[in-house]
PDB file of N, CA and C in Angstrom:
ATOM      1  N   MET A   1     127.520 115.514-165.536  1.00  0.00           N
ATOM      2  CA  MET A   1     127.789 114.780-166.757  1.00  0.00           C
ATOM      3  C   MET A   1     127.311 113.349-166.589  1.00  0.00           C
ATOM      4  N   ALA A   2     126.593 112.866-167.561  1.00  0.00           N
ATOM      5  CA  ALA A   2     126.084 111.498-167.522  1.00  0.00           C
ATOM      6  C   ALA A   2     127.214 110.506-167.827  1.00  0.00           C
ATOM      7  N   LYS A   3     126.982 109.254-167.444  1.00  0.00           N
ATOM      8  CA  LYS A   3     127.962 108.222-167.740  1.00  0.00           C
ATOM      9  C   LYS A   3     128.095 108.059-169.249  1.00  0.00           C
ATOM     10  N   LYS A   4     129.319 107.872-169.691  1.00  0.00           N
ATOM     11  CA  LYS A   4     129.550 107.711-171.125  1.00  0.00           C
ATOM     12  C   LYS A   4     128.862 106.462-171.666  1.00  0.00           C
ATOM     13  N   SER A   5     128.755 105.434-170.827  1.00  0.00           N
ATOM     14  CA  SER A   5     128.109 104.205-171.283  1.00  0.00           C
ATOM     15  C   SER A   5     126.623 104.439-171.546  1.00  0.00           C
ATOM     16  N   ALA A   6     125.961 105.267-170.721  1.00  0.00           N
ATOM     17  CA  ALA A   6     124.541 105.560-170.932  1.00  0.00           C
ATOM     18  C   ALA A   6     124.339 106.358-172.213  1.00  0.00           C
ATOM     19  N   ILE A   7     125.238 107.293-172.463  1.00  0.00           N
ATOM     20  CA  ILE A   7     125.152 108.099-173.683  1.00  0.00           C
ATOM     21  C   ILE A   7     125.382 107.218-174.904  1.00  0.00           C
ATOM     22  N   GLU A   8     126.372 106.338-174.836  1.00  0.00           N
ATOM     23  CA  GLU A   8     126.670 105.455-175.967  1.00  0.00           C
ATOM     24  C   GLU A   8     125.553 104.448-176.212  1.00  0.00           C
ATOM     25  N   ASN A   9     124.943 103.919-175.137  1.00  0.00           N
ATOM     26  CA  ASN A   9     123.811 103.008-175.304  1.00  0.00           C
ATOM     27  C   ASN A   9     122.673 103.701-176.031  1.00  0.00           C
ATOM     28  N   ASN A  10     122.414 104.953-175.676  1.00  0.00           N
ATOM     29  CA  ASN A  10     121.352 105.700-176.322  1.00  0.00           C
ATOM     30  C   ASN A  10     121.682 105.966-177.792  1.00  0.00           C
ATOM     31  N   ASN A  11     122.938 106.285-178.076  1.00  0.00           N
ATOM     32  CA  ASN A  11     123.350 106.505-179.470  1.00  0.00           C
ATOM     33  C   ASN A  11     123.226 105.227-180.285  1.00  0.00           C
ATOM     34  N   ARG A  12     123.559 104.081-179.655  1.00  0.00           N
ATOM     35  CA  ARG A  12     123.415 102.794-180.340  1.00  0.00           C
ATOM     36  C   ARG A  12     121.952 102.513-180.658  1.00  0.00           C
ATOM     37  N   LYS A  13     121.065 102.837-179.707  1.00  0.00           N
ATOM     38  CA  LYS A  13     119.632 102.650-179.940  1.00  0.00           C
ATOM     39  C   LYS A  13     119.150 103.529-181.088  1.00  0.00           C
ATOM     40  N   ARG A  14     119.662 104.759-181.172  1.00  0.00           N
ATOM     41  CA  ARG A  14     119.295 105.647-182.286  1.00  0.00           C
ATOM     42  C   ARG A  14     119.689 105.035-183.635  1.00  0.00           C
ATOM     43  N   ARG A  15     120.890 104.450-183.697  1.00  0.00           N
ATOM     44  CA  ARG A  15     121.338 103.827-184.941  1.00  0.00           C
ATOM     45  C   ARG A  15     120.470 102.619-185.296  1.00  0.00           C
ATOM     46  N   ILE A  16     120.087 101.818-184.294  1.00  0.00           N
ATOM     47  CA  ILE A  16     119.249 100.640-184.540  1.00  0.00           C
ATOM     48  C   ILE A  16     117.871 101.056-185.036  1.00  0.00           C
ATOM     49  N   VAL A  17     117.302 102.093-184.419  1.00  0.00           N
ATOM     50  CA  VAL A  17     115.986 102.582-184.840  1.00  0.00           C
ATOM     51  C   VAL A  17     116.044 103.061-186.287  1.00  0.00           C
ATOM     52  N   GLU A  18     117.104 103.796-186.626  1.00  0.00           N
ATOM     53  CA  GLU A  18     117.240 104.305-187.990  1.00  0.00           C
ATOM     54  C   GLU A  18     117.406 103.174-188.996  1.00  0.00           C
ATOM     55  N   ALA A  19     118.118 102.124-188.616  1.00  0.00           N
ATOM     56  CA  ALA A  19     118.346 100.995-189.519  1.00  0.00           C
ATOM     57  C   ALA A  19     117.060 100.214-189.794  1.00  0.00           C
ATOM     58  N   HIS A  20     116.180 100.104-188.806  1.00  0.00           N
ATOM     59  CA  HIS A  20     114.964  99.300-188.941  1.00  0.00           C
ATOM     60  C   HIS A  20     113.726 100.140-189.252  1.00  0.00           C
ATOM     61  N   LYS A  21     113.908 101.436-189.443  1.00  0.00           N
ATOM     62  CA  LYS A  21     112.774 102.347-189.577  1.00  0.00           C
ATOM     63  C   LYS A  21     111.856 101.998-190.752  1.00  0.00           C
ATOM     64  N   LYS A  22     112.437 101.768-191.920  1.00  0.00           N
ATOM     65  CA  LYS A  22     111.613 101.518-193.121  1.00  0.00           C
ATOM     66  C   LYS A  22     110.819 100.219-193.006  1.00  0.00           C
ATOM     67  N   THR A  23     111.461  99.146-192.574  1.00  0.00           N
ATOM     68  CA  THR A  23     110.750  97.869-192.487  1.00  0.00           C
ATOM     69  C   THR A  23     109.662  97.935-191.417  1.00  0.00           C
ATOM     70  N   ARG A  24     109.975  98.564-190.301  1.00  0.00           N
ATOM     71  CA  ARG A  24     109.003  98.679-189.219  1.00  0.00           C
ATOM     72  C   ARG A  24     107.787  99.502-189.648  1.00  0.00           C
ATOM     73  N   GLU A  25     108.028 100.613-190.349  1.00  0.00           N
ATOM     74  CA  GLU A  25     106.921 101.445-190.822  1.00  0.00           C
ATOM     75  C   GLU A  25     106.070 100.710-191.855  1.00  0.00           C
ATOM     76  N   SER A  26     106.718  99.963-192.749  1.00  0.00           N
ATOM     77  CA  SER A  26     105.946  99.256-193.776  1.00  0.00           C
ATOM     78  C   SER A  26     105.062  98.179-193.152  1.00  0.00           C
ATOM     79  N   VAL A  27     105.583  97.461-192.168  1.00  0.00           N
ATOM     80  CA  VAL A  27     104.783  96.425-191.493  1.00  0.00           C
ATOM     81  C   VAL A  27     103.617  97.075-190.749  1.00  0.00           C
ATOM     82  N   LYS A  28     103.888  98.178-190.061  1.00  0.00           N
ATOM     83  CA  LYS A  28     102.823  98.839-189.305  1.00  0.00           C
ATOM     84  C   LYS A  28     101.755  99.431-190.229  1.00  0.00           C
ATOM     85  N   ASP A  29     102.169  99.955-191.388  1.00  0.00           N
ATOM     86  CA  ASP A  29     101.190 100.482-192.348  1.00  0.00           C
ATOM     87  C   ASP A  29     100.304  99.371-192.897  1.00  0.00           C
ATOM     88  N   ARG A  30     100.919  98.220-193.186  1.00  0.00           N
ATOM     89  CA  ARG A  30     100.123  97.104-193.704  1.00  0.00           C
ATOM     90  C   ARG A  30      99.204  96.544-192.630  1.00  0.00           C
ATOM     91  N   LEU A  31      99.621  96.625-191.369  1.00  0.00           N
ATOM     92  CA  LEU A  31      98.768  96.152-190.269  1.00  0.00           C
ATOM     93  C   LEU A  31      97.514  97.005-190.122  1.00  0.00           C
ATOM     94  N   LYS A  32      97.609  98.280-190.457  1.00  0.00           N
ATOM     95  CA  LYS A  32      96.469  99.189-190.317  1.00  0.00           C
ATOM     96  C   LYS A  32      95.395  98.937-191.371  1.00  0.00           C
ATOM     97  N   ASP A  33      95.762  98.217-192.435  1.00  0.00           N
ATOM     98  CA  ASP A  33      94.805  97.916-193.509  1.00  0.00           C
ATOM     99  C   ASP A  33      93.821  96.854-193.025  1.00  0.00           C
ATOM    100  N   LYS A  34      92.598  97.258-192.796  1.00  0.00           N
ATOM    101  CA  LYS A  34      91.578  96.347-192.261  1.00  0.00           C
ATOM    102  C   LYS A  34      90.998  95.407-193.322  1.00  0.00           C
ATOM    103  N   THR A  35      91.335  95.623-194.592  1.00  0.00           N
ATOM    104  CA  THR A  35      90.806  94.758-195.648  1.00  0.00           C
ATOM    105  C   THR A  35      91.604  93.461-195.787  1.00  0.00           C
ATOM    106  N   LEU A  36      92.792  93.409-195.174  1.00  0.00           N
ATOM    107  CA  LEU A  36      93.588  92.185-195.232  1.00  0.00           C
ATOM    108  C   LEU A  36      92.916  91.074-194.434  1.00  0.00           C
ATOM    109  N   PRO A  37      93.082  89.834-194.863  1.00  0.00           N
ATOM    110  CA  PRO A  37      92.538  88.711-194.093  1.00  0.00           C
ATOM    111  C   PRO A  37      93.202  88.622-192.720  1.00  0.00           C
ATOM    112  N   PHE A  38      92.482  88.017-191.808  1.00  0.00           N
ATOM    113  CA  PHE A  38      92.948  87.909-190.424  1.00  0.00           C
ATOM    114  C   PHE A  38      94.286  87.175-190.327  1.00  0.00           C
ATOM    115  N   GLU A  39      94.458  86.110-191.121  1.00  0.00           N
ATOM    116  CA  GLU A  39      95.690  85.330-191.069  1.00  0.00           C
ATOM    117  C   GLU A  39      96.900  86.159-191.487  1.00  0.00           C
ATOM    118  N   ASP A  40      96.712  86.993-192.528  1.00  0.00           N
ATOM    119  CA  ASP A  40      97.814  87.848-192.987  1.00  0.00           C
ATOM    120  C   ASP A  40      98.176  88.879-191.920  1.00  0.00           C
ATOM    121  N   ARG A  41      97.172  89.446-191.291  1.00  0.00           N
ATOM    122  CA  ARG A  41      97.441  90.428-190.240  1.00  0.00           C
ATOM    123  C   ARG A  41      98.092  89.775-189.031  1.00  0.00           C
ATOM    124  N   LEU A  42      97.731  88.541-188.790  1.00  0.00           N
ATOM    125  CA  LEU A  42      98.352  87.815-187.678  1.00  0.00           C
ATOM    126  C   LEU A  42      99.831  87.561-187.958  1.00  0.00           C
ATOM    127  N   THR A  43     100.163  87.181-189.178  1.00  0.00           N
ATOM    128  CA  THR A  43     101.573  86.972-189.521  1.00  0.00           C
ATOM    129  C   THR A  43     102.353  88.284-189.461  1.00  0.00           C
ATOM    130  N   LEU A  44     101.725  89.383-189.859  1.00  0.00           N
ATOM    131  CA  LEU A  44     102.379  90.689-189.763  1.00  0.00           C
ATOM    132  C   LEU A  44     102.621  91.073-188.301  1.00  0.00           C
ATOM    133  N   THR A  45     101.671  90.739-187.438  1.00  0.00           N
ATOM    134  CA  THR A  45     101.830  91.016-186.010  1.00  0.00           C
ATOM    135  C   THR A  45     102.999  90.215-185.442  1.00  0.00           C
ATOM    136  N   HIS A  46     103.124  88.968-185.863  1.00  0.00           N
ATOM    137  CA  HIS A  46     104.237  88.136-185.404  1.00  0.00           C
ATOM    138  C   HIS A  46     105.568  88.674-185.932  1.00  0.00           C
ATOM    139  N   LYS A  47     105.556  89.154-187.182  1.00  0.00           N
ATOM    140  CA  LYS A  47     106.772  89.715-187.764  1.00  0.00           C
ATOM    141  C   LYS A  47     107.199  90.963-186.996  1.00  0.00           C
ATOM    142  N   LEU A  48     106.232  91.787-186.604  1.00  0.00           N
ATOM    143  CA  LEU A  48     106.540  92.989-185.827  1.00  0.00           C
ATOM    144  C   LEU A  48     107.050  92.618-184.436  1.00  0.00           C
ATOM    145  N   ALA A  49     106.477  91.576-183.841  1.00  0.00           N
ATOM    146  CA  ALA A  49     106.907  91.147-182.511  1.00  0.00           C
ATOM    147  C   ALA A  49     108.292  90.515-182.534  1.00  0.00           C
ATOM    148  N   GLU A  50     108.678  89.918-183.653  1.00  0.00           N
ATOM    149  CA  GLU A  50     109.982  89.274-183.757  1.00  0.00           C
ATOM    150  C   GLU A  50     111.114  90.271-183.954  1.00  0.00           C
ATOM    151  N   MET A  51     110.778  91.500-184.384  1.00  0.00           N
ATOM    152  CA  MET A  51     111.812  92.511-184.551  1.00  0.00           C
ATOM    153  C   MET A  51     112.407  92.863-183.189  1.00  0.00           C
ATOM    154  N   THR A  52     113.648  93.285-183.205  1.00  0.00           N
ATOM    155  CA  THR A  52     114.299  93.649-181.959  1.00  0.00           C
ATOM    156  C   THR A  52     113.568  94.806-181.283  1.00  0.00           C
ATOM    157  N   ARG A  53     113.474  94.743-179.966  1.00  0.00           N
ATOM    158  CA  ARG A  53     112.719  95.772-179.238  1.00  0.00           C
ATOM    159  C   ARG A  53     113.405  97.120-179.324  1.00  0.00           C
ATOM    160  N   SER A  54     114.707  97.114-179.521  1.00  0.00           N
ATOM    161  CA  SER A  54     115.440  98.369-179.635  1.00  0.00           C
ATOM    162  C   SER A  54     115.143  99.091-180.949  1.00  0.00           C
ATOM    163  N   ALA A  55     114.443  98.441-181.865  1.00  0.00           N
ATOM    164  CA  ALA A  55     114.092  99.080-183.127  1.00  0.00           C
ATOM    165  C   ALA A  55     112.908 100.025-182.979  1.00  0.00           C
ATOM    166  N   SER A  56     112.262 100.013-181.820  1.00  0.00           N
ATOM    167  CA  SER A  56     111.138 100.903-181.569  1.00  0.00           C
ATOM    168  C   SER A  56     111.650 102.276-181.149  1.00  0.00           C
ATOM    169  N   ALA A  57     111.049 103.323-181.697  1.00  0.00           N
ATOM    170  CA  ALA A  57     111.495 104.688-181.411  1.00  0.00           C
ATOM    171  C   ALA A  57     111.227 105.099-179.969  1.00  0.00           C
ATOM    172  N   THR A  58     110.329 104.402-179.281  1.00  0.00           N
ATOM    173  CA  THR A  58     110.039 104.761-177.900  1.00  0.00           C
ATOM    174  C   THR A  58     111.167 104.353-176.956  1.00  0.00           C
ATOM    175  N   ARG A  59     112.124 103.569-177.439  1.00  0.00           N
ATOM    176  CA  ARG A  59     113.247 103.154-176.608  1.00  0.00           C
ATOM    177  C   ARG A  59     114.304 104.239-176.471  1.00  0.00           C
ATOM    178  N   ILE A  60     114.254 105.248-177.351  1.00  0.00           N
ATOM    179  CA  ILE A  60     115.247 106.310-177.325  1.00  0.00           C
ATOM    180  C   ILE A  60     114.910 107.292-176.207  1.00  0.00           C
ATOM    181  N   ARG A  61     115.930 107.677-175.460  1.00  0.00           N
ATOM    182  CA  ARG A  61     115.770 108.638-174.376  1.00  0.00           C
ATOM    183  C   ARG A  61     116.348 109.971-174.844  1.00  0.00           C
ATOM    184  N   ASN A  62     115.567 111.047-174.712  1.00  0.00           N
ATOM    185  CA  ASN A  62     116.076 112.363-175.057  1.00  0.00           C
ATOM    186  C   ASN A  62     117.126 112.780-174.030  1.00  0.00           C
ATOM    187  N   ARG A  63     118.308 113.121-174.519  1.00  0.00           N
ATOM    188  CA  ARG A  63     119.403 113.510-173.633  1.00  0.00           C
ATOM    189  C   ARG A  63     119.993 114.827-174.100  1.00  0.00           C
ATOM    190  N   CYS A  64     120.487 115.594-173.129  1.00  0.00           N
ATOM    191  CA  CYS A  64     121.151 116.864-173.401  1.00  0.00           C
ATOM    192  C   CYS A  64     122.390 116.595-174.255  1.00  0.00           C
ATOM    193  N   GLU A  65     122.588 117.393-175.315  1.00  0.00           N
ATOM    194  CA  GLU A  65     123.753 117.194-176.164  1.00  0.00           C
ATOM    195  C   GLU A  65     125.024 117.753-175.539  1.00  0.00           C
ATOM    196  N   VAL A  66     124.875 118.603-174.536  1.00  0.00           N
ATOM    197  CA  VAL A  66     126.033 119.184-173.867  1.00  0.00           C
ATOM    198  C   VAL A  66     126.514 118.282-172.737  1.00  0.00           C
ATOM    199  N   THR A  67     125.588 117.874-171.861  1.00  0.00           N
ATOM    200  CA  THR A  67     125.971 117.123-170.665  1.00  0.00           C
ATOM    201  C   THR A  67     125.536 115.665-170.679  1.00  0.00           C
ATOM    202  N   GLY A  68     124.557 115.311-171.492  1.00  0.00           N
ATOM    203  CA  GLY A  68     124.045 113.943-171.519  1.00  0.00           C
ATOM    204  C   GLY A  68     122.952 113.702-170.497  1.00  0.00           C
ATOM    205  N   ARG A  69     122.525 114.759-169.787  1.00  0.00           N
ATOM    206  CA  ARG A  69     121.501 114.633-168.756  1.00  0.00           C
ATOM    207  C   ARG A  69     120.164 114.225-169.369  1.00  0.00           C
ATOM    208  N   PRO A  70     119.477 113.203-168.805  1.00  0.00           N
ATOM    209  CA  PRO A  70     118.221 112.738-169.385  1.00  0.00           C
ATOM    210  C   PRO A  70     116.980 113.484-168.888  1.00  0.00           C
ATOM    211  N   ARG A  71     117.092 114.205-167.785  1.00  0.00           N
ATOM    212  CA  ARG A  71     115.915 114.879-167.216  1.00  0.00           C
ATOM    213  C   ARG A  71     115.950 116.367-167.522  1.00  0.00           C
ATOM    214  N   GLY A  72     114.778 116.999-167.491  1.00  0.00           N
ATOM    215  CA  GLY A  72     114.701 118.445-167.712  1.00  0.00           C
ATOM    216  C   GLY A  72     115.161 118.825-169.097  1.00  0.00           C
ATOM    217  N   TYR A  73     114.706 118.107-170.115  1.00  0.00           N
ATOM    218  CA  TYR A  73     115.171 118.245-171.485  1.00  0.00           C
ATOM    219  C   TYR A  73     114.234 119.152-172.275  1.00  0.00           C
ATOM    220  N   TYR A  74     114.786 120.161-172.948  1.00  0.00           N
ATOM    221  CA  TYR A  74     114.020 121.022-173.844  1.00  0.00           C
ATOM    222  C   TYR A  74     114.265 120.568-175.276  1.00  0.00           C
ATOM    223  N   ARG A  75     113.208 120.127-175.940  1.00  0.00           N
ATOM    224  CA  ARG A  75     113.357 119.608-177.301  1.00  0.00           C
ATOM    225  C   ARG A  75     113.811 120.670-178.289  1.00  0.00           C
ATOM    226  N   LYS A  76     113.320 121.873-178.098  1.00  0.00           N
ATOM    227  CA  LYS A  76     113.644 122.957-179.030  1.00  0.00           C
ATOM    228  C   LYS A  76     115.147 123.219-179.087  1.00  0.00           C
ATOM    229  N   PHE A  77     115.815 123.111-177.947  1.00  0.00           N
ATOM    230  CA  PHE A  77     117.235 123.408-177.884  1.00  0.00           C
ATOM    231  C   PHE A  77     118.099 122.154-177.809  1.00  0.00           C
ATOM    232  N   LYS A  78     117.489 121.005-177.600  1.00  0.00           N
ATOM    233  CA  LYS A  78     118.190 119.738-177.417  1.00  0.00           C
ATOM    234  C   LYS A  78     119.169 119.819-176.253  1.00  0.00           C
ATOM    235  N   MET A  79     118.722 120.498-175.185  1.00  0.00           N
ATOM    236  CA  MET A  79     119.555 120.688-174.000  1.00  0.00           C
ATOM    237  C   MET A  79     118.731 120.516-172.739  1.00  0.00           C
ATOM    238  N   SER A  80     119.439 120.242-171.648  1.00  0.00           N
ATOM    239  CA  SER A  80     118.768 120.190-170.357  1.00  0.00           C
ATOM    240  C   SER A  80     118.584 121.611-169.842  1.00  0.00           C
ATOM    241  N   ARG A  81     117.742 121.757-168.845  1.00  0.00           N
ATOM    242  CA  ARG A  81     117.441 123.078-168.294  1.00  0.00           C
ATOM    243  C   ARG A  81     118.676 123.719-167.681  1.00  0.00           C
ATOM    244  N   ILE A  82     119.546 122.908-167.109  1.00  0.00           N
ATOM    245  CA  ILE A  82     120.742 123.429-166.456  1.00  0.00           C
ATOM    246  C   ILE A  82     121.726 123.976-167.485  1.00  0.00           C
ATOM    247  N   ALA A  83     121.984 123.200-168.547  1.00  0.00           N
ATOM    248  CA  ALA A  83     122.900 123.654-169.593  1.00  0.00           C
ATOM    249  C   ALA A  83     122.328 124.863-170.319  1.00  0.00           C
ATOM    250  N   LEU A  84     121.003 124.878-170.510  1.00  0.00           N
ATOM    251  CA  LEU A  84     120.353 126.007-171.184  1.00  0.00           C
ATOM    252  C   LEU A  84     120.524 127.284-170.377  1.00  0.00           C
ATOM    253  N   ARG A  85     120.332 127.186-169.079  1.00  0.00           N
ATOM    254  CA  ARG A  85     120.455 128.372-168.228  1.00  0.00           C
ATOM    255  C   ARG A  85     121.895 128.871-168.196  1.00  0.00           C
ATOM    256  N   GLU A  86     122.828 127.946-168.105  1.00  0.00           N
ATOM    257  CA  GLU A  86     124.225 128.353-168.043  1.00  0.00           C
ATOM    258  C   GLU A  86     124.693 129.001-169.345  1.00  0.00           C
ATOM    259  N   LEU A  87     124.397 128.370-170.468  1.00  0.00           N
ATOM    260  CA  LEU A  87     124.809 128.934-171.752  1.00  0.00           C
ATOM    261  C   LEU A  87     124.049 130.223-172.070  1.00  0.00           C
ATOM    262  N   GLY A  88     122.780 130.276-171.655  1.00  0.00           N
ATOM    263  CA  GLY A  88     121.998 131.490-171.859  1.00  0.00           C
ATOM    264  C   GLY A  88     122.512 132.650-171.041  1.00  0.00           C
ATOM    265  N   SER A  89     122.981 132.376-169.831  1.00  0.00           N
ATOM    266  CA  SER A  89     123.518 133.423-168.970  1.00  0.00           C
ATOM    267  C   SER A  89     124.816 134.004-169.528  1.00  0.00           C
ATOM    268  N   HIS A  90     125.583 133.170-170.219  1.00  0.00           N
ATOM    269  CA  HIS A  90     126.834 133.641-170.820  1.00  0.00           C
ATOM    270  C   HIS A  90     126.609 134.255-172.195  1.00  0.00           C
ATOM    271  N   GLY A  91     125.348 134.253-172.683  1.00  0.00           N
ATOM    272  CA  GLY A  91     125.031 134.848-173.984  1.00  0.00           C
ATOM    273  C   GLY A  91     125.450 133.999-175.160  1.00  0.00           C
ATOM    274  N   LEU A  92     125.553 132.696-174.977  1.00  0.00           N
ATOM    275  CA  LEU A  92     125.999 131.812-176.057  1.00  0.00           C
ATOM    276  C   LEU A  92     124.846 131.257-176.891  1.00  0.00           C
ATOM    277  N   ILE A  93     123.601 131.497-176.462  1.00  0.00           N
ATOM    278  CA  ILE A  93     122.445 131.042-177.216  1.00  0.00           C
ATOM    279  C   ILE A  93     121.706 132.285-177.737  1.00  0.00           C
ATOM    280  N   PRO A  94     121.601 132.454-179.045  1.00  0.00           N
ATOM    281  CA  PRO A  94     120.948 133.642-179.591  1.00  0.00           C
ATOM    282  C   PRO A  94     119.477 133.713-179.187  1.00  0.00           C
ATOM    283  N   GLY A  95     119.040 134.881-178.755  1.00  0.00           N
ATOM    284  CA  GLY A  95     117.641 135.104-178.417  1.00  0.00           C
ATOM    285  C   GLY A  95     117.269 134.743-177.005  1.00  0.00           C
ATOM    286  N   ILE A  96     118.175 134.202-176.231  1.00  0.00           N
ATOM    287  CA  ILE A  96     117.903 133.821-174.846  1.00  0.00           C
ATOM    288  C   ILE A  96     118.602 134.816-173.924  1.00  0.00           C
ATOM    289  N   ILE A  97     117.793 135.457-173.072  1.00  0.00           N
ATOM    290  CA  ILE A  97     118.368 136.355-172.072  1.00  0.00           C
ATOM    291  C   ILE A  97     117.749 136.010-170.726  1.00  0.00           C
ATOM    292  N   LYS A  98     118.461 136.318-169.680  1.00  0.00           N
ATOM    293  CA  LYS A  98     117.984 136.044-168.332  1.00  0.00           C
ATOM    294  C   LYS A  98     116.909 137.069-167.979  1.00  0.00           C
ATOM    295  N   ALA A  99     115.801 136.569-167.460  1.00  0.00           N
ATOM    296  CA  ALA A  99     114.688 137.456-167.108  1.00  0.00           C
ATOM    297  C   ALA A  99     115.016 138.214-165.836  1.00  0.00           C
ATOM    298  N   SER A 100     114.637 139.491-165.811  1.00  0.00           N
ATOM    299  CA  SER A 100     114.760 140.289-164.584  1.00  0.00           C
ATOM    300  C   SER A 100     113.654 141.339-164.584  1.00  0.00           C
ATOM    301  N   TRP A 101     112.964 141.448-163.484  1.00  0.00           N
ATOM    302  CA  TRP A 101     111.889 142.428-163.369  1.00  0.00           C
ATOM    303  C   TRP A 101     111.778 142.952-161.982  1.00  0.00           C
TER     304      TRP A 101
END
């Protein structure tokens, strides 16, 4: 089990990203417009740099929803490999069975 503080920090980052998502996307879309004058694009770059770094989606760490483990994460199941194997072995995940040959 991961530390509760690490899980809560990650959840806080998710909330910050969601709160700043629209403004960040609009600034980035306007930055991609090459027809804007250089000065306007420079001010947009400064505006993007002034935003909190936690507003970037790359700051979020994928964590297992069962244990909070950050490594060995399967996006499809939102679980770590260990939790997936354990729950799959007990038959709690539909369509997952233990391989044997």
